[in-house]
C-alpha atoms as a PDB file:
ATOM      1  CA  MET A   1     -20.461  10.675  14.520  1.00  0.00           C
ATOM      2  CA  PRO A   2     -20.397   9.340  10.936  1.00  0.00           C
ATOM      3  CA  ILE A   3     -17.703   6.707  10.426  1.00  0.00           C
ATOM      4  CA  VAL A   4     -16.467   4.248   7.828  1.00  0.00           C
ATOM      5  CA  VAL A   5     -15.078   0.871   8.899  1.00  0.00           C
ATOM      6  CA  ALA A   6     -12.721  -0.885   6.498  1.00  0.00           C
ATOM      7  CA  ALA A   7     -11.471  -4.480   6.685  1.00  0.00           C
ATOM      8  CA  TYR A   8      -7.973  -5.396   5.530  1.00  0.00           C
ATOM      9  CA  GLU A   9      -6.013  -8.479   4.503  1.00  0.00           C
ATOM     10  CA  ASP A  10      -3.609  -7.844   7.386  1.00  0.00           C
ATOM     11  CA  GLY A  11      -6.424  -8.733   9.827  1.00  0.00           C
ATOM     12  CA  HIS A  12      -7.061  -5.166  10.983  1.00  0.00           C
ATOM     13  CA  LEU A  13     -10.212  -3.095  11.073  1.00  0.00           C
ATOM     14  CA  ARG A  14      -9.602   0.595  10.478  1.00  0.00           C
ATOM     15  CA  ILE A  15     -12.145   3.184  11.544  1.00  0.00           C
ATOM     16  CA  PHE A  16     -12.273   6.517   9.718  1.00  0.00           C
ATOM     17  CA  ASP A  17     -14.104   9.636  10.885  1.00  0.00           C
ATOM     18  CA  THR A  18     -15.947  10.982   7.840  1.00  0.00           C
ATOM     19  CA  SER A  19     -16.660  14.345   9.449  1.00  0.00           C
ATOM     20  CA  SER A  20     -12.984  15.309   9.166  1.00  0.00           C
ATOM     21  CA  GLU A  21     -12.298  18.110   6.703  1.00  0.00           C
ATOM     22  CA  SER A  22      -8.677  17.091   6.196  1.00  0.00           C
ATOM     23  CA  ALA A  23      -7.480  16.434   2.633  1.00  0.00           C
ATOM     24  CA  THR A  24      -5.787  13.230   3.768  1.00  0.00           C
ATOM     25  CA  VAL A  25      -7.845  10.853   5.863  1.00  0.00           C
ATOM     26  CA  GLN A  26      -6.027   8.819   8.478  1.00  0.00           C
ATOM     27  CA  PRO A  27      -7.655   6.066  10.548  1.00  0.00           C
ATOM     28  CA  LYS A  28      -9.139   7.323  13.787  1.00  0.00           C
ATOM     29  CA  GLU A  29      -8.604   3.869  15.263  1.00  0.00           C
ATOM     30  CA  THR A  30      -7.068   0.542  14.208  1.00  0.00           C
ATOM     31  CA  ILE A  31      -8.181  -2.747  15.751  1.00  0.00           C
ATOM     32  CA  PHE A  32      -6.362  -6.058  15.327  1.00  0.00           C
ATOM     33  CA  ALA A  33      -9.423  -8.164  14.543  1.00  0.00           C
ATOM     34  CA  HIS A  34      -8.233 -11.495  13.111  1.00  0.00           C
ATOM     35  CA  PRO A  35      -4.880 -13.287  12.742  1.00  0.00           C
ATOM     36  CA  SER A  36      -5.687 -13.799   9.044  1.00  0.00           C
ATOM     37  CA  PRO A  37      -7.249 -11.768   6.220  1.00  0.00           C
ATOM     38  CA  ILE A  38     -10.705 -10.351   6.910  1.00  0.00           C
ATOM     39  CA  THR A  39     -12.923 -11.585   4.103  1.00  0.00           C
ATOM     40  CA  SER A  40     -16.248  -9.996   5.000  1.00  0.00           C
ATOM     41  CA  LEU A  41     -17.850  -7.307   7.120  1.00  0.00           C
ATOM     42  CA  THR A  42     -21.431  -6.263   7.910  1.00  0.00           C
ATOM     43  CA  LEU A  43     -23.391  -4.160  10.369  1.00  0.00           C
ATOM     44  CA  ASN A  44     -24.598  -5.912  13.505  1.00  0.00           C
ATOM     45  CA  PRO A  45     -28.400  -5.913  13.195  1.00  0.00           C
ATOM     46  CA  ALA A  46     -28.752  -6.121  16.989  1.00  0.00           C
ATOM     47  CA  SER A  47     -26.542  -3.120  17.810  1.00  0.00           C
ATOM     48  CA  PRO A  48     -26.303   0.368  16.313  1.00  0.00           C
ATOM     49  CA  THR A  49     -22.628   0.545  17.325  1.00  0.00           C
ATOM     50  CA  GLY A  50     -21.616  -2.950  16.277  1.00  0.00           C
ATOM     51  CA  ILE A  51     -20.247  -4.817  13.298  1.00  0.00           C
ATOM     52  CA  ILE A  52     -19.586  -8.457  12.446  1.00  0.00           C
ATOM     53  CA  SER A  53     -16.387  -9.579  10.712  1.00  0.00           C
ATOM     54  CA  GLY A  54     -15.411 -12.873   9.104  1.00  0.00           C
ATOM     55  CA  SER A  55     -11.980 -14.256   8.257  1.00  0.00           C
ATOM     56  CA  SER A  56     -10.248 -16.791   6.064  1.00  0.00           C
ATOM     57  CA  THR A  57      -9.700 -18.969   9.158  1.00  0.00           C
ATOM     58  CA  CYS A  58     -13.477 -19.465   9.553  1.00  0.00           C
ATOM     59  CA  ASN A  59     -13.942 -17.216  12.570  1.00  0.00           C
ATOM     60  CA  ILE A  60     -16.712 -14.659  12.942  1.00  0.00           C
ATOM     61  CA  ARG A  61     -16.307 -11.900  15.495  1.00  0.00           C
ATOM     62  CA  ILE A  62     -19.012  -9.632  16.826  1.00  0.00           C
ATOM     63  CA  TRP A  63     -17.650  -6.168  17.694  1.00  0.00           C
ATOM     64  CA  ASP A  64     -18.652  -3.211  19.817  1.00  0.00           C
ATOM     65  CA  LEU A  65     -17.033  -0.250  18.050  1.00  0.00           C
ATOM     66  CA  VAL A  66     -17.585   2.180  20.942  1.00  0.00           C
ATOM     67  CA  LYS A  67     -15.581  -0.016  23.312  1.00  0.00           C
ATOM     68  CA  GLY A  68     -13.272  -1.322  20.556  1.00  0.00           C
ATOM     69  CA  ILE A  69     -13.644  -4.923  21.740  1.00  0.00           C
ATOM     70  CA  SER A  70     -14.791  -8.269  20.407  1.00  0.00           C
ATOM     71  CA  LEU A  71     -17.937  -9.411  22.218  1.00  0.00           C
ATOM     72  CA  GLN A  72     -17.982 -12.903  20.744  1.00  0.00           C
ATOM     73  CA  ASP A  73     -15.742 -15.171  18.658  1.00  0.00           C
ATOM     74  CA  ILE A  74     -17.489 -17.947  16.739  1.00  0.00           C
ATOM     75  CA  GLU A  75     -15.889 -20.740  14.703  1.00  0.00           C
ATOM     76  CA  SER A  76     -18.388 -20.937  11.894  1.00  0.00           C
ATOM     77  CA  HIS A  77     -17.261 -22.889   8.844  1.00  0.00           C
ATOM     78  CA  ARG A  78     -14.582 -25.348   7.756  1.00  0.00           C
ATOM     79  CA  VAL A  79     -11.594 -24.270   5.690  1.00  0.00           C
ATOM     80  CA  LYS A  80     -11.703 -25.440   2.094  1.00  0.00           C
ATOM     81  CA  GLY A  81      -9.155 -24.446  -0.520  1.00  0.00           C
ATOM     82  CA  GLY A  82      -7.460 -22.095   1.950  1.00  0.00           C
ATOM     83  CA  GLU A  83     -10.664 -20.083   2.422  1.00  0.00           C
ATOM     84  CA  GLY A  84     -13.124 -19.825   5.294  1.00  0.00           C
ATOM     85  CA  VAL A  85     -15.920 -17.270   5.610  1.00  0.00           C
ATOM     86  CA  CYS A  86     -16.692 -15.902   2.146  1.00  0.00           C
ATOM     87  CA  GLY A  87     -19.510 -13.539   3.019  1.00  0.00           C
ATOM     88  CA  ILE A  88     -21.684 -12.125   5.790  1.00  0.00           C
ATOM     89  CA  ALA A  89     -25.011 -10.344   5.374  1.00  0.00           C
ATOM     90  CA  SER A  90     -27.380  -8.826   7.889  1.00  0.00           C
ATOM     91  CA  GLY A  91     -30.942  -7.641   7.672  1.00  0.00           C
ATOM     92  CA  GLU A  92     -33.703  -6.651  10.021  1.00  0.00           C
ATOM     93  CA  GLY A  93     -34.052  -7.972  13.533  1.00  0.00           C
ATOM     94  CA  ASN A  94     -31.178  -9.767  15.168  1.00  0.00           C
ATOM     95  CA  VAL A  95     -30.286 -12.230  12.395  1.00  0.00           C
ATOM     96  CA  PHE A  96     -27.275 -12.492  10.105  1.00  0.00           C
ATOM     97  CA  VAL A  97     -26.142 -15.047   7.530  1.00  0.00           C
ATOM     98  CA  THR A  98     -22.675 -16.385   6.699  1.00  0.00           C
ATOM     99  CA  ALA A  99     -21.514 -18.198   3.577  1.00  0.00           C
ATOM    100  CA  GLY A 100     -18.438 -20.383   3.725  1.00  0.00           C
ATOM    101  CA  ALA A 101     -16.025 -21.950   1.278  1.00  0.00           C
ATOM    102  CA  ASP A 102     -17.252 -25.273   2.656  1.00  0.00           C
ATOM    103  CA  GLY A 103     -20.463 -24.724   0.650  1.00  0.00           C
ATOM    104  CA  LEU A 104     -22.653 -23.987   3.662  1.00  0.00           C
ATOM    105  CA  VAL A 105     -24.856 -21.003   4.396  1.00  0.00           C
ATOM    106  CA  ARG A 106     -25.601 -20.519   8.090  1.00  0.00           C
ATOM    107  CA  LEU A 107     -28.218 -18.421   9.832  1.00  0.00           C
ATOM    108  CA  TRP A 108     -27.246 -16.820  13.164  1.00  0.00           C
ATOM    109  CA  ALA A 109     -28.993 -14.776  15.849  1.00  0.00           C
ATOM    110  CA  CYS A 110     -27.217 -12.020  17.796  1.00  0.00           C
END
């Protein structure tokens, strides 16, 4: 099923079913992901049904969208200027990278 996952400042992930033919699209599912704004989101390179989210409180969470649960919660960077994780990128294999407001770029394996 084709979906779109959107991250919001209220800390929620909202999942939309793109196969719907409705004129107004409502979230199929809403997940409370972080207690602070979600600042970044990427596909999990190790799982076809997973994503990775980052927040302003420096946490990264690895998600299984089929089950709707967080598989892992990682404290990744230090807060600087009220910001935490500024970006997440994934590529091939099981690796992803985070960039933080603390000036660090970190390489992770899933």
